[in-house]
N, C-alpha and C. Protein backbone atom coordinates (compact mmCIF):
# COMPACT_ATOMS: atom_id res chain seq x y z
N MET A 1 71.25 -26.19 53.58
CA MET A 1 70.44 -27.06 52.79
C MET A 1 71.33 -28.01 52.02
N THR A 2 70.89 -29.22 51.83
CA THR A 2 71.70 -30.22 51.15
C THR A 2 70.96 -30.74 49.94
N ASP A 3 71.70 -31.19 48.99
CA ASP A 3 71.12 -31.79 47.79
C ASP A 3 70.60 -33.15 48.16
N PRO A 4 69.29 -33.47 47.87
CA PRO A 4 68.74 -34.74 48.29
C PRO A 4 69.42 -35.93 47.62
N MET A 5 70.04 -35.76 46.50
CA MET A 5 70.65 -36.87 45.79
C MET A 5 72.03 -37.20 46.35
N SER A 6 72.74 -36.16 46.74
CA SER A 6 74.11 -36.44 47.17
C SER A 6 74.38 -36.06 48.62
N ASP A 7 73.45 -35.49 49.31
CA ASP A 7 73.59 -35.00 50.67
C ASP A 7 74.71 -33.97 50.79
N ALA A 8 75.03 -33.33 49.64
CA ALA A 8 76.05 -32.27 49.66
C ALA A 8 75.33 -30.95 49.82
N PRO A 9 75.98 -29.98 50.48
CA PRO A 9 75.32 -28.69 50.64
C PRO A 9 75.12 -27.99 49.31
N VAL A 10 73.97 -27.35 49.14
CA VAL A 10 73.65 -26.60 47.93
C VAL A 10 73.49 -25.15 48.32
N ASP A 11 74.29 -24.29 47.71
CA ASP A 11 74.22 -22.89 48.09
C ASP A 11 73.54 -22.03 47.04
N ASN A 12 73.15 -22.59 45.87
CA ASN A 12 72.50 -21.77 44.85
C ASN A 12 71.00 -22.05 44.77
N MET A 13 70.40 -22.65 45.77
CA MET A 13 68.97 -22.96 45.79
C MET A 13 68.21 -21.69 46.13
N ASP A 14 67.03 -21.60 45.60
CA ASP A 14 66.13 -20.48 45.88
C ASP A 14 65.69 -20.59 47.34
N PRO A 15 65.74 -19.51 48.11
CA PRO A 15 65.35 -19.59 49.51
C PRO A 15 63.88 -19.93 49.68
N MET A 16 63.04 -19.63 48.70
CA MET A 16 61.60 -19.93 48.81
C MET A 16 61.35 -21.42 48.58
N GLU A 17 62.31 -22.08 47.95
CA GLU A 17 62.11 -23.47 47.62
C GLU A 17 62.57 -24.34 48.79
N THR A 18 61.75 -25.25 49.13
CA THR A 18 62.11 -26.17 50.21
C THR A 18 62.28 -27.55 49.64
N GLN A 19 62.71 -28.45 50.45
CA GLN A 19 62.90 -29.81 49.97
C GLN A 19 61.58 -30.42 49.55
N GLU A 20 60.51 -30.03 50.16
CA GLU A 20 59.22 -30.62 49.83
C GLU A 20 58.73 -30.15 48.45
N THR A 21 59.02 -28.88 48.06
CA THR A 21 58.50 -28.34 46.78
C THR A 21 59.49 -28.50 45.65
N ALA A 22 60.73 -28.78 45.94
CA ALA A 22 61.72 -28.93 44.88
C ALA A 22 61.44 -30.19 44.09
N THR A 23 61.48 -30.05 42.75
CA THR A 23 61.27 -31.22 41.89
C THR A 23 62.59 -31.56 41.25
N VAL A 24 62.83 -32.78 41.17
CA VAL A 24 64.06 -33.25 40.57
C VAL A 24 63.70 -33.82 39.22
N GLN A 25 64.31 -33.26 38.18
CA GLN A 25 64.06 -33.75 36.81
C GLN A 25 64.92 -34.97 36.58
N PRO A 26 64.34 -36.01 36.04
CA PRO A 26 65.17 -37.17 35.72
C PRO A 26 66.12 -36.81 34.60
N PRO A 27 67.28 -37.35 34.62
CA PRO A 27 68.23 -37.04 33.55
C PRO A 27 67.69 -37.52 32.21
N ILE A 28 67.91 -36.68 31.15
CA ILE A 28 67.43 -37.03 29.81
C ILE A 28 68.45 -37.95 29.18
N GLU A 29 67.95 -39.02 28.68
CA GLU A 29 68.84 -40.00 28.06
C GLU A 29 68.94 -39.69 26.58
N ASP A 30 69.99 -40.17 25.97
CA ASP A 30 70.22 -39.93 24.55
C ASP A 30 69.10 -40.54 23.71
N GLY A 31 68.54 -41.63 24.09
CA GLY A 31 67.45 -42.28 23.36
C GLY A 31 66.21 -41.41 23.33
N ASP A 32 65.91 -40.70 24.44
CA ASP A 32 64.74 -39.82 24.47
C ASP A 32 64.93 -38.66 23.50
N ASP A 33 66.12 -38.09 23.47
CA ASP A 33 66.40 -36.99 22.53
C ASP A 33 66.26 -37.47 21.10
N LEU A 34 66.74 -38.65 20.83
CA LEU A 34 66.67 -39.20 19.49
C LEU A 34 65.22 -39.42 19.07
N GLN A 35 64.43 -40.00 19.98
CA GLN A 35 63.01 -40.22 19.66
C GLN A 35 62.27 -38.91 19.45
N LEU A 36 62.57 -37.92 20.26
CA LEU A 36 61.95 -36.60 20.12
C LEU A 36 62.33 -35.97 18.79
N ALA A 37 63.58 -36.08 18.43
CA ALA A 37 64.05 -35.52 17.16
C ALA A 37 63.42 -36.26 15.98
N GLN A 38 63.28 -37.59 16.09
CA GLN A 38 62.65 -38.36 15.02
C GLN A 38 61.19 -37.99 14.85
N ARG A 39 60.48 -37.81 15.97
CA ARG A 39 59.07 -37.39 15.90
C ARG A 39 58.95 -36.01 15.24
N GLU A 40 59.83 -35.11 15.63
CA GLU A 40 59.82 -33.77 15.04
C GLU A 40 60.13 -33.83 13.55
N LEU A 41 61.10 -34.67 13.17
CA LEU A 41 61.45 -34.84 11.76
C LEU A 41 60.26 -35.40 10.97
N GLU A 42 59.60 -36.40 11.51
CA GLU A 42 58.43 -36.97 10.85
C GLU A 42 57.32 -35.93 10.71
N SER A 43 57.13 -35.14 11.73
CA SER A 43 56.11 -34.09 11.70
C SER A 43 56.42 -33.07 10.61
N GLN A 44 57.67 -32.64 10.54
CA GLN A 44 58.07 -31.66 9.53
C GLN A 44 57.99 -32.26 8.12
N LYS A 45 58.36 -33.53 8.00
CA LYS A 45 58.28 -34.21 6.71
C LYS A 45 56.82 -34.30 6.25
N ASP A 46 55.92 -34.63 7.18
CA ASP A 46 54.50 -34.70 6.87
C ASP A 46 53.98 -33.34 6.43
N LYS A 47 54.36 -32.28 7.15
CA LYS A 47 53.94 -30.92 6.77
C LYS A 47 54.45 -30.56 5.38
N TYR A 48 55.71 -30.91 5.11
CA TYR A 48 56.30 -30.62 3.81
C TYR A 48 55.55 -31.34 2.69
N LEU A 49 55.28 -32.64 2.88
CA LEU A 49 54.58 -33.41 1.85
C LEU A 49 53.17 -32.88 1.61
N ARG A 50 52.49 -32.49 2.68
CA ARG A 50 51.16 -31.92 2.53
C ARG A 50 51.20 -30.60 1.77
N LEU A 51 52.17 -29.76 2.11
CA LEU A 51 52.32 -28.47 1.43
C LEU A 51 52.67 -28.67 -0.04
N ALA A 52 53.55 -29.62 -0.33
CA ALA A 52 53.92 -29.90 -1.72
C ALA A 52 52.71 -30.39 -2.51
N ALA A 53 51.92 -31.27 -1.92
CA ALA A 53 50.71 -31.77 -2.59
C ALA A 53 49.71 -30.65 -2.80
N GLU A 54 49.56 -29.79 -1.80
CA GLU A 54 48.63 -28.66 -1.93
C GLU A 54 49.06 -27.72 -3.05
N TYR A 55 50.37 -27.45 -3.13
CA TYR A 55 50.89 -26.57 -4.19
C TYR A 55 50.68 -27.21 -5.56
N ASP A 56 50.93 -28.51 -5.68
CA ASP A 56 50.74 -29.21 -6.94
C ASP A 56 49.28 -29.14 -7.38
N ASN A 57 48.37 -29.34 -6.45
CA ASN A 57 46.94 -29.23 -6.77
C ASN A 57 46.58 -27.81 -7.20
N PHE A 58 47.13 -26.81 -6.51
CA PHE A 58 46.88 -25.42 -6.88
C PHE A 58 47.39 -25.14 -8.29
N ARG A 59 48.58 -25.61 -8.61
CA ARG A 59 49.17 -25.38 -9.93
C ARG A 59 48.31 -26.01 -11.02
N ARG A 60 47.87 -27.25 -10.81
CA ARG A 60 47.00 -27.91 -11.79
C ARG A 60 45.68 -27.17 -11.96
N ARG A 61 45.11 -26.73 -10.84
CA ARG A 61 43.84 -26.01 -10.89
C ARG A 61 44.00 -24.69 -11.63
N ALA A 62 45.11 -23.99 -11.41
CA ALA A 62 45.36 -22.71 -12.07
C ALA A 62 45.52 -22.90 -13.58
N VAL A 63 46.23 -23.95 -14.00
CA VAL A 63 46.39 -24.23 -15.43
C VAL A 63 45.03 -24.52 -16.06
N LYS A 64 44.25 -25.33 -15.38
CA LYS A 64 42.92 -25.68 -15.90
C LYS A 64 42.03 -24.44 -16.00
N GLU A 65 42.06 -23.58 -14.99
CA GLU A 65 41.24 -22.37 -15.01
C GLU A 65 41.68 -21.43 -16.11
N ARG A 66 43.01 -21.33 -16.36
CA ARG A 66 43.50 -20.48 -17.45
C ARG A 66 43.02 -21.01 -18.79
N GLN A 67 43.08 -22.33 -18.99
CA GLN A 67 42.61 -22.92 -20.24
C GLN A 67 41.12 -22.66 -20.42
N GLU A 68 40.34 -22.86 -19.37
CA GLU A 68 38.90 -22.63 -19.47
C GLU A 68 38.59 -21.17 -19.75
N ALA A 69 39.33 -20.25 -19.16
CA ALA A 69 39.12 -18.82 -19.43
C ALA A 69 39.42 -18.51 -20.89
N GLY A 70 40.47 -19.11 -21.43
CA GLY A 70 40.79 -18.92 -22.85
C GLY A 70 39.69 -19.45 -23.74
N TRP A 71 39.17 -20.63 -23.39
CA TRP A 71 38.09 -21.21 -24.19
C TRP A 71 36.84 -20.35 -24.12
N ARG A 72 36.53 -19.82 -22.93
CA ARG A 72 35.35 -18.96 -22.81
C ARG A 72 35.52 -17.70 -23.65
N ALA A 73 36.72 -17.12 -23.62
CA ALA A 73 36.98 -15.91 -24.41
C ALA A 73 36.84 -16.20 -25.90
N GLN A 74 37.39 -17.33 -26.34
CA GLN A 74 37.24 -17.70 -27.74
C GLN A 74 35.78 -17.92 -28.09
N GLY A 75 35.05 -18.55 -27.20
CA GLY A 75 33.62 -18.78 -27.44
C GLY A 75 32.85 -17.47 -27.57
N GLU A 76 33.17 -16.49 -26.71
CA GLU A 76 32.51 -15.18 -26.80
C GLU A 76 32.83 -14.50 -28.13
N LEU A 77 34.07 -14.60 -28.55
CA LEU A 77 34.48 -13.99 -29.82
C LEU A 77 33.73 -14.64 -30.98
N VAL A 78 33.71 -15.96 -31.00
CA VAL A 78 33.04 -16.67 -32.09
C VAL A 78 31.52 -16.40 -32.05
N ARG A 79 30.96 -16.35 -30.86
CA ARG A 79 29.52 -16.06 -30.74
C ARG A 79 29.19 -14.72 -31.40
N GLY A 80 30.08 -13.74 -31.25
CA GLY A 80 29.88 -12.44 -31.89
C GLY A 80 29.98 -12.49 -33.40
N LEU A 81 30.69 -13.49 -33.93
CA LEU A 81 30.86 -13.62 -35.38
C LEU A 81 29.78 -14.46 -36.05
N LEU A 82 28.96 -15.14 -35.26
CA LEU A 82 27.98 -16.07 -35.83
C LEU A 82 27.00 -15.39 -36.79
N ASP A 83 26.52 -14.19 -36.45
CA ASP A 83 25.58 -13.51 -37.36
C ASP A 83 26.22 -13.23 -38.71
N GLY A 84 27.45 -12.75 -38.69
CA GLY A 84 28.16 -12.50 -39.95
C GLY A 84 28.40 -13.78 -40.73
N LEU A 85 28.75 -14.86 -40.02
CA LEU A 85 28.94 -16.14 -40.70
C LEU A 85 27.63 -16.67 -41.29
N ASP A 86 26.54 -16.47 -40.57
CA ASP A 86 25.23 -16.87 -41.11
C ASP A 86 24.92 -16.08 -42.39
N ASP A 87 25.24 -14.79 -42.38
CA ASP A 87 25.01 -13.96 -43.58
C ASP A 87 25.85 -14.47 -44.75
N ILE A 88 27.10 -14.84 -44.49
CA ILE A 88 27.96 -15.36 -45.55
C ILE A 88 27.38 -16.67 -46.10
N THR A 89 26.89 -17.52 -45.21
CA THR A 89 26.30 -18.79 -45.64
C THR A 89 25.07 -18.54 -46.52
N ARG A 90 24.20 -17.62 -46.11
CA ARG A 90 23.01 -17.29 -46.92
C ARG A 90 23.43 -16.68 -48.25
N PHE A 91 24.45 -15.84 -48.21
CA PHE A 91 24.92 -15.16 -49.41
C PHE A 91 25.52 -16.16 -50.39
N ALA A 92 26.21 -17.18 -49.88
CA ALA A 92 26.83 -18.19 -50.75
C ALA A 92 25.78 -19.05 -51.44
N ALA A 93 24.56 -19.12 -50.89
CA ALA A 93 23.50 -19.94 -51.47
C ALA A 93 22.67 -19.19 -52.52
N VAL A 94 22.99 -17.93 -52.76
CA VAL A 94 22.24 -17.13 -53.73
C VAL A 94 22.58 -17.61 -55.15
N ASP A 95 21.56 -17.67 -55.98
CA ASP A 95 21.74 -18.09 -57.38
C ASP A 95 22.42 -16.96 -58.14
N PRO A 96 23.60 -17.18 -58.71
CA PRO A 96 24.31 -16.12 -59.41
C PRO A 96 23.58 -15.59 -60.64
N ASN A 97 22.66 -16.37 -61.20
CA ASN A 97 21.92 -15.92 -62.37
C ASN A 97 20.86 -14.89 -62.03
N THR A 98 20.45 -14.82 -60.76
CA THR A 98 19.39 -13.90 -60.37
C THR A 98 19.91 -12.65 -59.67
N VAL A 99 21.23 -12.54 -59.45
CA VAL A 99 21.79 -11.42 -58.71
C VAL A 99 22.81 -10.70 -59.60
N ASP A 100 22.73 -9.37 -59.59
CA ASP A 100 23.71 -8.61 -60.37
C ASP A 100 24.97 -8.33 -59.54
N ALA A 101 26.02 -7.88 -60.17
CA ALA A 101 27.32 -7.67 -59.53
C ALA A 101 27.25 -6.62 -58.43
N ASN A 102 26.50 -5.56 -58.63
CA ASN A 102 26.39 -4.51 -57.62
C ASN A 102 25.75 -5.04 -56.33
N SER A 103 24.77 -5.91 -56.44
CA SER A 103 24.15 -6.50 -55.26
C SER A 103 25.15 -7.37 -54.50
N VAL A 104 25.99 -8.09 -55.22
CA VAL A 104 27.01 -8.93 -54.59
C VAL A 104 28.00 -8.05 -53.82
N ILE A 105 28.45 -6.98 -54.44
CA ILE A 105 29.40 -6.07 -53.80
C ILE A 105 28.77 -5.40 -52.57
N ASP A 106 27.53 -4.93 -52.73
CA ASP A 106 26.85 -4.30 -51.59
C ASP A 106 26.66 -5.29 -50.44
N GLY A 107 26.29 -6.51 -50.76
CA GLY A 107 26.09 -7.54 -49.73
C GLY A 107 27.39 -7.86 -48.99
N MET A 108 28.47 -7.98 -49.72
CA MET A 108 29.76 -8.27 -49.08
C MET A 108 30.22 -7.11 -48.21
N GLN A 109 29.95 -5.87 -48.64
CA GLN A 109 30.33 -4.72 -47.82
C GLN A 109 29.53 -4.68 -46.52
N LEU A 110 28.25 -5.03 -46.60
CA LEU A 110 27.43 -5.08 -45.39
C LEU A 110 27.93 -6.17 -44.43
N ILE A 111 28.28 -7.32 -44.97
CA ILE A 111 28.80 -8.41 -44.12
C ILE A 111 30.13 -7.99 -43.50
N GLU A 112 30.99 -7.34 -44.28
CA GLU A 112 32.28 -6.88 -43.75
C GLU A 112 32.07 -5.90 -42.61
N LYS A 113 31.16 -4.95 -42.77
CA LYS A 113 30.88 -3.98 -41.70
C LYS A 113 30.37 -4.68 -40.44
N LYS A 114 29.48 -5.66 -40.64
CA LYS A 114 28.92 -6.39 -39.49
C LYS A 114 30.01 -7.14 -38.74
N LEU A 115 30.91 -7.81 -39.48
CA LEU A 115 31.99 -8.56 -38.84
C LEU A 115 32.95 -7.63 -38.10
N PHE A 116 33.34 -6.52 -38.72
CA PHE A 116 34.26 -5.59 -38.05
C PHE A 116 33.61 -4.93 -36.84
N LYS A 117 32.30 -4.67 -36.91
CA LYS A 117 31.61 -4.09 -35.75
C LYS A 117 31.59 -5.09 -34.59
N SER A 118 31.34 -6.35 -34.92
CA SER A 118 31.33 -7.39 -33.88
C SER A 118 32.72 -7.55 -33.27
N LEU A 119 33.74 -7.56 -34.10
CA LEU A 119 35.11 -7.69 -33.61
C LEU A 119 35.53 -6.48 -32.77
N ALA A 120 35.08 -5.29 -33.16
CA ALA A 120 35.41 -4.09 -32.41
C ALA A 120 34.87 -4.18 -30.98
N GLY A 121 33.76 -4.85 -30.81
CA GLY A 121 33.20 -5.06 -29.47
C GLY A 121 34.08 -5.94 -28.58
N HIS A 122 35.05 -6.63 -29.19
CA HIS A 122 35.97 -7.49 -28.45
C HIS A 122 37.37 -6.89 -28.39
N GLY A 123 37.50 -5.59 -28.68
CA GLY A 123 38.79 -4.91 -28.59
C GLY A 123 39.63 -4.99 -29.85
N PHE A 124 39.01 -5.35 -30.96
CA PHE A 124 39.71 -5.51 -32.23
C PHE A 124 39.76 -4.17 -32.96
N GLU A 125 40.92 -3.81 -33.49
CA GLU A 125 41.07 -2.56 -34.25
C GLU A 125 41.86 -2.82 -35.52
N VAL A 126 41.54 -2.05 -36.56
CA VAL A 126 42.26 -2.11 -37.82
C VAL A 126 43.32 -1.01 -37.81
N ILE A 127 44.54 -1.33 -38.23
CA ILE A 127 45.61 -0.34 -38.32
C ILE A 127 45.76 0.06 -39.78
N ASP A 128 45.37 1.28 -40.11
CA ASP A 128 45.59 1.86 -41.44
C ASP A 128 46.27 3.20 -41.21
N PRO A 129 47.60 3.20 -41.17
CA PRO A 129 48.34 4.37 -40.71
C PRO A 129 48.71 5.40 -41.78
N THR A 130 48.07 5.39 -42.92
CA THR A 130 48.42 6.34 -43.97
C THR A 130 48.35 7.77 -43.44
N GLY A 131 49.48 8.49 -43.59
CA GLY A 131 49.56 9.87 -43.11
C GLY A 131 50.04 10.02 -41.68
N ASP A 132 50.16 8.92 -40.95
CA ASP A 132 50.63 8.95 -39.57
C ASP A 132 52.15 8.74 -39.51
N PRO A 133 52.79 9.13 -38.41
CA PRO A 133 54.22 8.83 -38.27
C PRO A 133 54.45 7.32 -38.19
N PHE A 134 55.56 6.87 -38.74
CA PHE A 134 55.91 5.45 -38.73
C PHE A 134 56.16 5.00 -37.30
N ASP A 135 55.55 3.89 -36.90
CA ASP A 135 55.73 3.30 -35.57
C ASP A 135 56.16 1.85 -35.75
N PRO A 136 57.43 1.54 -35.50
CA PRO A 136 57.90 0.17 -35.74
C PRO A 136 57.19 -0.89 -34.89
N ALA A 137 56.53 -0.49 -33.81
CA ALA A 137 55.79 -1.46 -32.99
C ALA A 137 54.49 -1.89 -33.67
N LYS A 138 53.96 -1.06 -34.58
CA LYS A 138 52.68 -1.37 -35.23
C LYS A 138 52.79 -1.47 -36.75
N HIS A 139 53.91 -1.02 -37.30
CA HIS A 139 54.04 -0.97 -38.76
C HIS A 139 55.28 -1.73 -39.20
N GLU A 140 55.22 -2.28 -40.40
CA GLU A 140 56.37 -2.94 -41.00
C GLU A 140 56.66 -2.20 -42.30
N ALA A 141 57.83 -1.56 -42.38
CA ALA A 141 58.20 -0.81 -43.58
C ALA A 141 58.66 -1.79 -44.65
N VAL A 142 58.01 -1.74 -45.81
CA VAL A 142 58.40 -2.62 -46.91
C VAL A 142 59.14 -1.86 -48.00
N SER A 143 59.04 -0.52 -47.94
CA SER A 143 59.70 0.30 -48.93
C SER A 143 59.74 1.74 -48.44
N THR A 144 60.49 2.58 -49.15
CA THR A 144 60.51 4.00 -48.84
C THR A 144 60.13 4.78 -50.08
N ALA A 145 59.70 6.00 -49.87
CA ALA A 145 59.36 6.92 -50.95
C ALA A 145 59.96 8.27 -50.60
N PRO A 146 60.32 9.07 -51.59
CA PRO A 146 60.91 10.36 -51.28
C PRO A 146 59.89 11.30 -50.63
N ALA A 147 60.36 12.06 -49.66
CA ALA A 147 59.51 13.04 -48.98
C ALA A 147 59.72 14.40 -49.62
N VAL A 148 58.69 15.22 -49.66
CA VAL A 148 58.75 16.55 -50.25
C VAL A 148 59.56 17.49 -49.36
N GLY A 149 59.42 17.35 -48.06
CA GLY A 149 60.13 18.21 -47.12
C GLY A 149 60.52 17.44 -45.87
N PRO A 150 61.33 18.08 -45.02
CA PRO A 150 61.78 17.39 -43.81
C PRO A 150 60.64 17.08 -42.83
N ASP A 151 59.54 17.83 -42.93
CA ASP A 151 58.42 17.57 -42.03
C ASP A 151 57.69 16.28 -42.36
N GLU A 152 57.90 15.74 -43.57
CA GLU A 152 57.27 14.48 -43.98
C GLU A 152 58.17 13.27 -43.73
N ASP A 153 59.38 13.50 -43.23
CA ASP A 153 60.31 12.40 -42.97
C ASP A 153 59.73 11.45 -41.93
N GLY A 154 59.66 10.17 -42.27
CA GLY A 154 59.16 9.16 -41.34
C GLY A 154 57.65 9.03 -41.31
N VAL A 155 56.96 9.67 -42.24
CA VAL A 155 55.49 9.58 -42.31
C VAL A 155 55.11 8.46 -43.28
N VAL A 156 54.05 7.73 -42.95
CA VAL A 156 53.59 6.63 -43.81
C VAL A 156 52.94 7.23 -45.05
N ALA A 157 53.46 6.85 -46.22
CA ALA A 157 52.95 7.35 -47.49
C ALA A 157 51.81 6.48 -48.02
N LEU A 158 51.94 5.18 -47.86
CA LEU A 158 50.98 4.24 -48.43
C LEU A 158 50.91 3.00 -47.56
N CYS A 159 49.74 2.43 -47.44
CA CYS A 159 49.56 1.20 -46.66
C CYS A 159 49.24 0.08 -47.64
N PHE A 160 50.17 -0.88 -47.78
CA PHE A 160 49.95 -2.02 -48.67
C PHE A 160 48.97 -3.01 -48.07
N GLN A 161 49.11 -3.24 -46.76
CA GLN A 161 48.25 -4.22 -46.09
C GLN A 161 47.97 -3.70 -44.69
N VAL A 162 46.69 -3.59 -44.34
CA VAL A 162 46.34 -3.10 -43.01
C VAL A 162 46.80 -4.10 -41.95
N GLY A 163 46.99 -3.59 -40.77
CA GLY A 163 47.36 -4.43 -39.65
C GLY A 163 46.19 -4.55 -38.68
N TYR A 164 46.36 -5.38 -37.67
CA TYR A 164 45.28 -5.60 -36.71
C TYR A 164 45.83 -5.63 -35.29
N VAL A 165 45.04 -5.05 -34.37
CA VAL A 165 45.37 -5.01 -32.95
C VAL A 165 44.16 -5.52 -32.18
N ILE A 166 44.38 -6.32 -31.15
CA ILE A 166 43.29 -6.72 -30.27
C ILE A 166 43.72 -6.43 -28.83
N ASN A 167 42.94 -5.62 -28.17
CA ASN A 167 43.20 -5.21 -26.78
C ASN A 167 44.63 -4.73 -26.57
N GLY A 168 45.12 -3.95 -27.52
CA GLY A 168 46.46 -3.36 -27.40
C GLY A 168 47.59 -4.25 -27.88
N HIS A 169 47.31 -5.49 -28.26
CA HIS A 169 48.34 -6.41 -28.73
C HIS A 169 48.27 -6.50 -30.25
N VAL A 170 49.41 -6.29 -30.91
CA VAL A 170 49.45 -6.33 -32.37
C VAL A 170 49.35 -7.78 -32.84
N LEU A 171 48.31 -8.06 -33.62
CA LEU A 171 48.16 -9.38 -34.22
C LEU A 171 48.99 -9.47 -35.50
N ARG A 172 48.93 -8.38 -36.28
CA ARG A 172 49.71 -8.30 -37.52
C ARG A 172 50.03 -6.84 -37.76
N PRO A 173 51.30 -6.50 -37.99
CA PRO A 173 51.61 -5.09 -38.26
C PRO A 173 51.14 -4.68 -39.65
N ALA A 174 50.88 -3.40 -39.82
CA ALA A 174 50.50 -2.88 -41.13
C ALA A 174 51.76 -2.82 -41.98
N ARG A 175 51.66 -3.24 -43.23
CA ARG A 175 52.81 -3.19 -44.16
C ARG A 175 52.70 -1.88 -44.95
N VAL A 176 53.73 -1.05 -44.81
CA VAL A 176 53.64 0.33 -45.29
C VAL A 176 54.86 0.77 -46.09
N VAL A 177 54.66 1.89 -46.83
CA VAL A 177 55.73 2.62 -47.49
C VAL A 177 55.94 3.88 -46.67
N VAL A 178 57.19 4.15 -46.30
CA VAL A 178 57.50 5.29 -45.43
C VAL A 178 58.23 6.36 -46.23
N LYS A 179 57.80 7.61 -46.06
CA LYS A 179 58.48 8.73 -46.71
C LYS A 179 59.81 8.99 -46.01
N GLN A 180 60.82 9.30 -46.87
CA GLN A 180 62.16 9.54 -46.32
C GLN A 180 62.71 10.81 -46.96
N TRP A 181 63.14 11.73 -46.11
CA TRP A 181 63.71 13.00 -46.57
C TRP A 181 65.20 12.80 -46.80
N THR A 182 65.64 13.13 -48.00
CA THR A 182 67.07 12.96 -48.33
C THR A 182 67.82 14.28 -48.24
N GLY A 183 67.12 15.37 -48.05
CA GLY A 183 67.77 16.66 -47.92
C GLY A 183 68.00 17.37 -49.24
N ALA A 184 67.50 16.83 -50.32
CA ALA A 184 67.72 17.47 -51.62
C ALA A 184 66.56 18.31 -52.06
């Protein structure tokens, strides 16, 4: 068998292939490779730009959704406080000449209970650690007091200012006096 292009004998041809079925591929020119590479580069560049734009849109949408979720949560919290705020507004309009001091104190205590109950429904807790072991994550020691025995070492003796926690996050630590055993 001979090569149709050069009439030279070809010894590595497949025996099943004949001259009639053999296809000759035209030689690839450098220009074709360059055009193919440029098309592939443009295709990849287009994919990259589309992906970058899609990611940018996703990032903007996520920021917006986070902001809206925060606003909704704040709205729910405030909605729970509205009854207590209405009570304070009504209470502020009371004529002081017609109300005695005990009624004022009782009214304020009722409003305080209503507000704390509403806040508790949103994961709000008051930290009053008197008698509990000192926890630096929730308490701020402002002073120390002598302990009677070693078993009282590190126990909160007095709470100057209560602290607050919402859903496990400390809003303000409780300011406390901590008992300290000196060994005497």
